């Protein structure tokens, strides 16, 4: 099964920690990171897509992506 996640977080060290945690759990970066300014909240938001291949598993809508 091939999994996809898009990690988002305000532009703080927590964003980097979340992406680093995913990488250390076997996820791979997919594409470039993104940044945008949320004028309503007054913060810069970051995003990074990650993908992971999990052999011998079948994807369902109930798959808990964070568990991998």
N, C-alpha and C. Protein backbone atom coordinates (compact mmCIF):
# COMPACT_ATOMS: atom_id res chain seq x y z
N UNK A 1 0.85 -1.16 0.00
CA UNK A 1 0.00 0.00 0.00
C UNK A 1 0.90 1.22 0.00
N UNK A 2 0.51 2.23 -0.71
CA UNK A 2 1.23 3.50 -0.78
C UNK A 2 0.39 4.53 -0.03
N UNK A 3 1.02 5.20 0.94
CA UNK A 3 0.31 6.17 1.77
C UNK A 3 0.79 7.59 1.48
N UNK A 4 -0.09 8.56 1.68
CA UNK A 4 0.20 9.97 1.47
C UNK A 4 -0.32 10.76 2.65
N UNK A 5 0.49 11.69 3.13
CA UNK A 5 0.06 12.62 4.18
C UNK A 5 0.54 14.01 3.81
N UNK A 6 -0.20 15.02 4.23
CA UNK A 6 0.22 16.40 4.08
C UNK A 6 0.27 17.01 5.46
N UNK A 7 1.47 17.28 5.93
CA UNK A 7 1.69 17.78 7.29
C UNK A 7 1.62 19.30 7.24
N UNK A 8 0.80 19.90 8.09
CA UNK A 8 0.70 21.35 8.17
C UNK A 8 0.86 21.79 9.62
N UNK A 9 1.39 22.99 9.76
CA UNK A 9 1.65 23.51 11.09
C UNK A 9 2.06 24.98 10.92
N UNK A 10 1.79 25.83 11.90
CA UNK A 10 2.37 27.18 11.83
C UNK A 10 3.90 27.09 11.74
N UNK A 11 4.52 28.13 11.22
CA UNK A 11 5.96 28.17 11.03
C UNK A 11 6.67 28.31 12.38
N UNK A 12 6.77 27.18 13.06
CA UNK A 12 7.45 27.08 14.36
C UNK A 12 8.32 25.83 14.33
N UNK A 13 9.18 25.64 15.32
CA UNK A 13 9.96 24.41 15.36
C UNK A 13 9.10 23.14 15.36
N UNK A 14 7.86 23.23 15.83
CA UNK A 14 6.98 22.05 15.87
C UNK A 14 6.76 21.47 14.48
N UNK A 15 6.66 22.34 13.47
CA UNK A 15 6.50 21.84 12.09
C UNK A 15 7.70 20.97 11.72
N UNK A 16 8.90 21.46 11.97
CA UNK A 16 10.11 20.68 11.64
C UNK A 16 10.16 19.38 12.43
N UNK A 17 9.72 19.42 13.69
CA UNK A 17 9.70 18.19 14.50
C UNK A 17 8.73 17.17 13.92
N UNK A 18 7.57 17.62 13.46
CA UNK A 18 6.59 16.68 12.89
C UNK A 18 7.11 16.05 11.60
N UNK A 19 7.73 16.85 10.74
CA UNK A 19 8.29 16.31 9.50
C UNK A 19 9.44 15.36 9.83
N UNK A 20 10.31 15.75 10.75
CA UNK A 20 11.44 14.90 11.15
C UNK A 20 10.95 13.58 11.73
N UNK A 21 9.91 13.63 12.53
CA UNK A 21 9.35 12.40 13.10
C UNK A 21 8.84 11.48 11.99
N UNK A 22 8.15 12.05 11.01
CA UNK A 22 7.66 11.24 9.89
C UNK A 22 8.83 10.61 9.13
N UNK A 23 9.88 11.38 8.87
CA UNK A 23 11.04 10.84 8.16
C UNK A 23 11.67 9.68 8.94
N UNK A 24 11.74 9.81 10.24
CA UNK A 24 12.33 8.77 11.07
C UNK A 24 11.43 7.55 11.22
N UNK A 25 10.17 7.67 10.82
CA UNK A 25 9.25 6.53 10.80
C UNK A 25 9.15 5.92 9.41
N UNK A 26 10.03 6.35 8.50
CA UNK A 26 10.09 5.73 7.18
C UNK A 26 9.36 6.46 6.07
N UNK A 27 8.75 7.61 6.37
CA UNK A 27 8.09 8.41 5.33
C UNK A 27 9.17 9.10 4.51
N UNK A 28 8.85 9.42 3.25
CA UNK A 28 9.76 10.12 2.34
C UNK A 28 9.13 11.45 1.94
N UNK A 29 9.96 12.48 1.79
CA UNK A 29 9.45 13.76 1.31
C UNK A 29 8.89 13.58 -0.09
N UNK A 30 7.81 14.29 -0.38
CA UNK A 30 7.18 14.24 -1.70
C UNK A 30 6.95 15.68 -2.15
N UNK A 31 7.78 16.14 -3.07
CA UNK A 31 7.65 17.52 -3.54
C UNK A 31 8.29 18.51 -2.59
N UNK A 32 8.11 19.77 -2.91
CA UNK A 32 8.69 20.85 -2.13
C UNK A 32 7.78 21.26 -0.98
N UNK A 33 8.36 21.81 0.10
CA UNK A 33 7.53 22.35 1.17
C UNK A 33 6.81 23.61 0.66
N UNK A 34 5.72 23.97 1.32
CA UNK A 34 4.98 25.17 0.96
C UNK A 34 4.83 26.06 2.18
N UNK A 35 4.67 27.34 1.92
CA UNK A 35 4.40 28.31 2.99
C UNK A 35 3.35 29.29 2.48
N UNK A 36 2.47 29.71 3.37
CA UNK A 36 1.48 30.73 3.05
C UNK A 36 1.18 31.51 4.31
N UNK A 37 0.75 32.71 4.13
CA UNK A 37 0.40 33.55 5.28
C UNK A 37 -1.10 33.51 5.50
N UNK A 38 -1.53 33.17 6.72
CA UNK A 38 -2.93 33.16 7.11
C UNK A 38 -3.22 34.49 7.79
N UNK A 39 -3.80 35.43 7.04
CA UNK A 39 -4.05 36.77 7.56
C UNK A 39 -5.08 36.74 8.70
N UNK A 40 -6.00 35.80 8.67
CA UNK A 40 -7.01 35.71 9.73
C UNK A 40 -6.36 35.40 11.08
N UNK A 41 -5.41 34.46 11.07
CA UNK A 41 -4.72 34.06 12.31
C UNK A 41 -3.45 34.86 12.54
N UNK A 42 -2.96 35.52 11.49
CA UNK A 42 -1.73 36.30 11.62
C UNK A 42 -0.48 35.44 11.75
N UNK A 43 -0.50 34.26 11.09
CA UNK A 43 0.65 33.35 11.17
C UNK A 43 1.01 32.83 9.79
N UNK A 44 2.27 32.48 9.63
CA UNK A 44 2.72 31.80 8.42
C UNK A 44 2.54 30.31 8.63
N UNK A 45 1.89 29.66 7.68
CA UNK A 45 1.64 28.22 7.75
C UNK A 45 2.60 27.50 6.80
N UNK A 46 3.11 26.36 7.26
CA UNK A 46 4.00 25.52 6.45
C UNK A 46 3.28 24.22 6.13
N UNK A 47 3.67 23.60 5.02
CA UNK A 47 3.13 22.31 4.64
C UNK A 47 4.17 21.47 3.92
N UNK A 48 4.13 20.17 4.13
CA UNK A 48 5.04 19.25 3.45
C UNK A 48 4.31 17.93 3.22
N UNK A 49 4.30 17.49 1.96
CA UNK A 49 3.74 16.19 1.63
C UNK A 49 4.79 15.11 1.89
N UNK A 50 4.33 13.98 2.40
CA UNK A 50 5.19 12.82 2.63
C UNK A 50 4.46 11.57 2.13
N UNK A 51 5.21 10.59 1.68
CA UNK A 51 4.65 9.33 1.19
C UNK A 51 5.40 8.16 1.83
N UNK A 52 4.73 7.03 1.87
CA UNK A 52 5.35 5.82 2.43
C UNK A 52 4.75 4.59 1.77
N UNK A 53 5.60 3.63 1.45
CA UNK A 53 5.15 2.35 0.93
C UNK A 53 5.16 1.35 2.08
N UNK A 54 4.03 0.68 2.29
CA UNK A 54 3.91 -0.34 3.33
C UNK A 54 3.56 -1.65 2.64
N UNK A 55 4.51 -2.60 2.59
CA UNK A 55 4.24 -3.86 1.89
C UNK A 55 3.22 -4.72 2.65
N UNK A 56 2.54 -5.55 1.89
CA UNK A 56 1.62 -6.56 2.45
C UNK A 56 0.48 -5.97 3.27
N UNK A 57 0.10 -4.74 3.00
CA UNK A 57 -1.04 -4.11 3.67
C UNK A 57 -1.98 -3.60 2.58
N UNK A 58 -3.25 -3.52 2.89
CA UNK A 58 -4.22 -2.99 1.94
C UNK A 58 -4.85 -1.73 2.52
N UNK A 59 -4.89 -0.69 1.73
CA UNK A 59 -5.46 0.59 2.16
C UNK A 59 -6.98 0.51 2.23
N UNK A 60 -7.53 1.09 3.29
CA UNK A 60 -8.97 1.33 3.40
C UNK A 60 -9.14 2.75 3.94
N UNK A 61 -10.34 3.27 3.86
CA UNK A 61 -10.60 4.62 4.39
C UNK A 61 -10.39 4.68 5.90
N UNK A 62 -10.41 3.54 6.56
CA UNK A 62 -10.20 3.50 8.01
C UNK A 62 -8.72 3.42 8.39
N UNK A 63 -7.83 3.33 7.41
CA UNK A 63 -6.38 3.27 7.69
C UNK A 63 -5.97 4.51 8.47
N UNK A 64 -5.31 4.31 9.59
CA UNK A 64 -4.83 5.41 10.43
C UNK A 64 -3.43 5.79 9.94
N UNK A 65 -3.35 6.84 9.13
CA UNK A 65 -2.08 7.22 8.52
C UNK A 65 -1.01 7.55 9.56
N UNK A 66 -1.39 8.15 10.66
CA UNK A 66 -0.43 8.50 11.70
C UNK A 66 0.15 7.28 12.41
N UNK A 67 -0.49 6.12 12.27
CA UNK A 67 0.00 4.91 12.93
C UNK A 67 1.22 4.33 12.20
N UNK A 68 1.46 4.79 10.97
CA UNK A 68 2.58 4.28 10.21
C UNK A 68 3.70 5.26 10.32
